[in-house]
Amino acid sequence: QLATSPTPPPASLPTAAASHAGWRVIVYTYDRRPDAEKKVADLARTHPGLQPEVFTPSGHAPYLVSIDGVMDRDAAYALAHRSRSLRLPHDMYAQNYSR
Protein backbone atom coordinates (compact mmCIF):
# COMPACT_ATOMS: atom_id res chain seq x y z
CA GLN A 1 0.00 0.00 0.00
CA LEU A 2 1.32 3.42 -0.94
CA ALA A 3 1.17 6.24 1.56
CA THR A 4 -0.29 9.44 0.19
CA SER A 5 -0.10 12.86 1.67
CA PRO A 6 -3.42 14.32 2.73
CA THR A 7 -4.85 17.01 0.51
CA PRO A 8 -6.59 19.95 2.11
CA PRO A 9 -10.33 20.03 1.65
CA PRO A 10 -11.50 22.37 -1.15
CA ALA A 11 -13.27 24.61 1.37
CA SER A 12 -9.99 25.50 3.07
CA LEU A 13 -8.95 27.94 0.35
CA PRO A 14 -12.04 30.18 0.39
CA THR A 15 -12.10 30.14 4.19
CA ALA A 16 -8.48 31.24 4.37
CA ALA A 17 -9.09 33.98 1.81
CA ALA A 18 -12.21 35.22 3.61
CA SER A 19 -10.58 35.29 7.02
CA HIS A 20 -7.54 37.46 6.25
CA ALA A 21 -7.19 40.84 7.94
CA GLY A 22 -9.39 43.74 6.94
CA TRP A 23 -12.31 43.10 9.26
CA ARG A 24 -13.59 45.64 11.78
CA VAL A 25 -16.26 45.62 14.45
CA ILE A 26 -18.54 48.62 13.96
CA VAL A 27 -20.34 49.82 17.07
CA TYR A 28 -21.79 53.21 16.06
CA THR A 29 -22.41 55.17 12.85
CA TYR A 30 -22.57 58.97 12.58
CA ASP A 31 -23.14 61.53 9.84
CA ARG A 32 -20.76 64.03 11.44
CA ARG A 33 -17.13 63.42 12.41
CA PRO A 34 -17.33 65.47 15.67
CA ASP A 35 -20.18 63.24 16.90
CA ALA A 36 -18.16 60.10 16.12
CA GLU A 37 -15.08 61.56 17.84
CA LYS A 38 -17.13 62.35 20.95
CA LYS A 39 -18.39 58.77 21.09
CA VAL A 40 -14.81 57.48 20.72
CA ALA A 41 -13.75 59.66 23.68
CA ASP A 42 -16.69 58.37 25.76
CA LEU A 43 -15.91 54.75 24.91
CA ALA A 44 -12.20 55.24 25.64
CA ARG A 45 -13.16 56.50 29.10
CA THR A 46 -15.65 53.74 29.91
CA HIS A 47 -13.95 50.84 28.08
CA PRO A 48 -10.26 51.77 27.57
CA GLY A 49 -9.32 48.24 26.49
CA LEU A 50 -11.54 48.41 23.40
CA GLN A 51 -9.31 50.90 21.57
CA PRO A 52 -12.18 52.74 19.85
CA GLU A 53 -11.46 54.81 16.76
CA VAL A 54 -13.24 56.75 14.03
CA PHE A 55 -13.12 54.96 10.70
CA THR A 56 -14.51 55.98 7.34
CA PRO A 57 -14.06 53.69 4.35
CA SER A 58 -14.82 56.49 1.88
CA GLY A 59 -13.06 59.49 3.46
CA HIS A 60 -16.40 61.15 4.24
CA ALA A 61 -19.70 60.30 5.96
CA PRO A 62 -20.70 57.91 7.32
CA TYR A 63 -18.21 58.04 10.19
CA LEU A 64 -17.99 54.65 11.84
CA VAL A 65 -16.84 53.97 15.38
CA SER A 66 -14.91 50.70 15.40
CA ILE A 67 -13.26 48.84 18.26
CA ASP A 68 -9.95 46.98 18.44
CA GLY A 69 -8.76 47.99 14.97
CA VAL A 70 -8.31 45.69 11.98
CA MET A 71 -8.44 41.92 12.48
CA ASP A 72 -9.34 38.70 10.74
CA ARG A 73 -12.93 37.50 10.28
CA ASP A 74 -13.01 35.03 13.16
CA ALA A 75 -11.57 37.56 15.62
CA ALA A 76 -14.06 40.21 14.50
CA TYR A 77 -17.09 37.96 14.99
CA ALA A 78 -15.77 36.75 18.35
CA LEU A 79 -15.19 40.34 19.51
CA ALA A 80 -18.67 41.44 18.41
CA HIS A 81 -20.16 38.52 20.34
CA ARG A 82 -18.08 39.18 23.50
CA SER A 83 -18.67 42.94 23.44
CA ARG A 84 -22.44 42.61 23.72
CA SER A 85 -21.94 41.81 27.41
CA LEU A 86 -20.33 45.25 27.85
CA ARG A 87 -23.65 47.01 27.24
CA LEU A 88 -22.65 48.07 23.76
CA PRO A 89 -25.34 48.20 21.06
CA HIS A 90 -26.76 44.81 20.15
CA ASP A 91 -26.77 45.80 16.48
CA MET A 92 -22.97 46.11 16.28
CA TYR A 93 -21.54 44.14 13.39
CA ALA A 94 -18.35 42.83 11.82
CA GLN A 95 -17.53 43.82 8.25
CA ASN A 96 -14.62 43.38 5.89
CA TYR A 97 -13.18 46.66 4.60
CA SER A 98 -10.13 45.31 2.75
CA ARG A 99 -9.87 46.50 -0.82
C-alpha atoms as a PDB file:
ATOM      1  CA  GLN A   1       0.000   0.000   0.000  1.00  0.00           C
ATOM      2  CA  LEU A   2       1.320   3.425  -0.942  1.00  0.00           C
ATOM      3  CA  ALA A   3       1.172   6.244   1.559  1.00  0.00           C
ATOM      4  CA  THR A   4      -0.293   9.436   0.191  1.00  0.00           C
ATOM      5  CA  SER A   5      -0.095  12.862   1.673  1.00  0.00           C
ATOM      6  CA  PRO A   6      -3.417  14.324   2.735  1.00  0.00           C
ATOM      7  CA  THR A   7      -4.845  17.013   0.511  1.00  0.00           C
ATOM      8  CA  PRO A   8      -6.588  19.953   2.113  1.00  0.00           C
ATOM      9  CA  PRO A   9     -10.330  20.035   1.648  1.00  0.00           C
ATOM     10  CA  PRO A  10     -11.497  22.368  -1.149  1.00  0.00           C
ATOM     11  CA  ALA A  11     -13.273  24.611   1.369  1.00  0.00           C
ATOM     12  CA  SER A  12      -9.993  25.500   3.068  1.00  0.00           C
ATOM     13  CA  LEU A  13      -8.953  27.940   0.352  1.00  0.00           C
ATOM     14  CA  PRO A  14     -12.039  30.180   0.389  1.00  0.00           C
ATOM     15  CA  THR A  15     -12.103  30.142   4.189  1.00  0.00           C
ATOM     16  CA  ALA A  16      -8.482  31.239   4.366  1.00  0.00           C
ATOM     17  CA  ALA A  17      -9.088  33.984   1.809  1.00  0.00           C
ATOM     18  CA  ALA A  18     -12.210  35.222   3.608  1.00  0.00           C
ATOM     19  CA  SER A  19     -10.577  35.290   7.021  1.00  0.00           C
ATOM     20  CA  HIS A  20      -7.536  37.463   6.252  1.00  0.00           C
ATOM     21  CA  ALA A  21      -7.186  40.843   7.942  1.00  0.00           C
ATOM     22  CA  GLY A  22      -9.385  43.735   6.936  1.00  0.00           C
ATOM     23  CA  TRP A  23     -12.314  43.095   9.258  1.00  0.00           C
ATOM     24  CA  ARG A  24     -13.587  45.643  11.785  1.00  0.00           C
ATOM     25  CA  VAL A  25     -16.257  45.616  14.449  1.00  0.00           C
ATOM     26  CA  ILE A  26     -18.539  48.616  13.961  1.00  0.00           C
ATOM     27  CA  VAL A  27     -20.336  49.821  17.068  1.00  0.00           C
ATOM     28  CA  TYR A  28     -21.794  53.209  16.063  1.00  0.00           C
ATOM     29  CA  THR A  29     -22.411  55.169  12.847  1.00  0.00           C
ATOM     30  CA  TYR A  30     -22.570  58.969  12.581  1.00  0.00           C
ATOM     31  CA  ASP A  31     -23.143  61.527   9.836  1.00  0.00           C
ATOM     32  CA  ARG A  32     -20.757  64.033  11.440  1.00  0.00           C
ATOM     33  CA  ARG A  33     -17.134  63.417  12.412  1.00  0.00           C
ATOM     34  CA  PRO A  34     -17.328  65.465  15.667  1.00  0.00           C
ATOM     35  CA  ASP A  35     -20.179  63.244  16.899  1.00  0.00           C
ATOM     36  CA  ALA A  36     -18.159  60.101  16.120  1.00  0.00           C
ATOM     37  CA  GLU A  37     -15.076  61.559  17.841  1.00  0.00           C
ATOM     38  CA  LYS A  38     -17.127  62.355  20.953  1.00  0.00           C
ATOM     39  CA  LYS A  39     -18.392  58.770  21.093  1.00  0.00           C
ATOM     40  CA  VAL A  40     -14.813  57.483  20.719  1.00  0.00           C
ATOM     41  CA  ALA A  41     -13.752  59.657  23.679  1.00  0.00           C
ATOM     42  CA  ASP A  42     -16.689  58.374  25.758  1.00  0.00           C
ATOM     43  CA  LEU A  43     -15.911  54.753  24.906  1.00  0.00           C
ATOM     44  CA  ALA A  44     -12.199  55.238  25.637  1.00  0.00           C
ATOM     45  CA  ARG A  45     -13.157  56.499  29.104  1.00  0.00           C
ATOM     46  CA  THR A  46     -15.655  53.743  29.914  1.00  0.00           C
ATOM     47  CA  HIS A  47     -13.947  50.840  28.083  1.00  0.00           C
ATOM     48  CA  PRO A  48     -10.264  51.770  27.571  1.00  0.00           C
ATOM     49  CA  GLY A  49      -9.315  48.242  26.487  1.00  0.00           C
ATOM     50  CA  LEU A  50     -11.542  48.405  23.405  1.00  0.00           C
ATOM     51  CA  GLN A  51      -9.305  50.900  21.565  1.00  0.00           C
ATOM     52  CA  PRO A  52     -12.176  52.740  19.853  1.00  0.00           C
ATOM     53  CA  GLU A  53     -11.459  54.810  16.763  1.00  0.00           C
ATOM     54  CA  VAL A  54     -13.243  56.748  14.029  1.00  0.00           C
ATOM     55  CA  PHE A  55     -13.116  54.961  10.704  1.00  0.00           C
ATOM     56  CA  THR A  56     -14.512  55.978   7.342  1.00  0.00           C
ATOM     57  CA  PRO A  57     -14.062  53.688   4.354  1.00  0.00           C
ATOM     58  CA  SER A  58     -14.819  56.492   1.883  1.00  0.00           C
ATOM     59  CA  GLY A  59     -13.055  59.486   3.463  1.00  0.00           C
ATOM     60  CA  HIS A  60     -16.398  61.153   4.243  1.00  0.00           C
ATOM     61  CA  ALA A  61     -19.698  60.299   5.955  1.00  0.00           C
ATOM     62  CA  PRO A  62     -20.696  57.914   7.316  1.00  0.00           C
ATOM     63  CA  TYR A  63     -18.207  58.039  10.186  1.00  0.00           C
ATOM     64  CA  LEU A  64     -17.986  54.653  11.841  1.00  0.00           C
ATOM     65  CA  VAL A  65     -16.845  53.967  15.383  1.00  0.00           C
ATOM     66  CA  SER A  66     -14.914  50.703  15.405  1.00  0.00           C
ATOM     67  CA  ILE A  67     -13.264  48.840  18.255  1.00  0.00           C
ATOM     68  CA  ASP A  68      -9.946  46.977  18.445  1.00  0.00           C
ATOM     69  CA  GLY A  69      -8.760  47.989  14.972  1.00  0.00           C
ATOM     70  CA  VAL A  70      -8.306  45.690  11.982  1.00  0.00           C
ATOM     71  CA  MET A  71      -8.439  41.918  12.485  1.00  0.00           C
ATOM     72  CA  ASP A  72      -9.337  38.703  10.739  1.00  0.00           C
ATOM     73  CA  ARG A  73     -12.925  37.499  10.283  1.00  0.00           C
ATOM     74  CA  ASP A  74     -13.008  35.032  13.165  1.00  0.00           C
ATOM     75  CA  ALA A  75     -11.570  37.559  15.625  1.00  0.00           C
ATOM     76  CA  ALA A  76     -14.064  40.211  14.498  1.00  0.00           C
ATOM     77  CA  TYR A  77     -17.089  37.957  14.988  1.00  0.00           C
ATOM     78  CA  ALA A  78     -15.768  36.752  18.351  1.00  0.00           C
ATOM     79  CA  LEU A  79     -15.186  40.336  19.508  1.00  0.00           C
ATOM     80  CA  ALA A  80     -18.666  41.438  18.415  1.00  0.00           C
ATOM     81  CA  HIS A  81     -20.161  38.522  20.340  1.00  0.00           C
ATOM     82  CA  ARG A  82     -18.085  39.178  23.498  1.00  0.00           C
ATOM     83  CA  SER A  83     -18.673  42.936  23.440  1.00  0.00           C
ATOM     84  CA  ARG A  84     -22.441  42.609  23.718  1.00  0.00           C
ATOM     85  CA  SER A  85     -21.936  41.808  27.405  1.00  0.00           C
ATOM     86  CA  LEU A  86     -20.330  45.254  27.852  1.00  0.00           C
ATOM     87  CA  ARG A  87     -23.654  47.011  27.238  1.00  0.00           C
ATOM     88  CA  LEU A  88     -22.652  48.073  23.758  1.00  0.00           C
ATOM     89  CA  PRO A  89     -25.343  48.197  21.061  1.00  0.00           C
ATOM     90  CA  HIS A  90     -26.760  44.810  20.147  1.00  0.00           C
ATOM     91  CA  ASP A  91     -26.771  45.799  16.476  1.00  0.00           C
ATOM     92  CA  MET A  92     -22.973  46.108  16.277  1.00  0.00           C
ATOM     93  CA  TYR A  93     -21.539  44.143  13.389  1.00  0.00           C
ATOM     94  CA  ALA A  94     -18.345  42.833  11.824  1.00  0.00           C
ATOM     95  CA  GLN A  95     -17.526  43.817   8.252  1.00  0.00           C
ATOM     96  CA  ASN A  96     -14.616  43.380   5.889  1.00  0.00           C
ATOM     97  CA  TYR A  97     -13.184  46.655   4.597  1.00  0.00           C
ATOM     98  CA  SER A  98     -10.134  45.315   2.753  1.00  0.00           C
ATOM     99  CA  ARG A  99      -9.866  46.499  -0.816  1.00  0.00           C
END
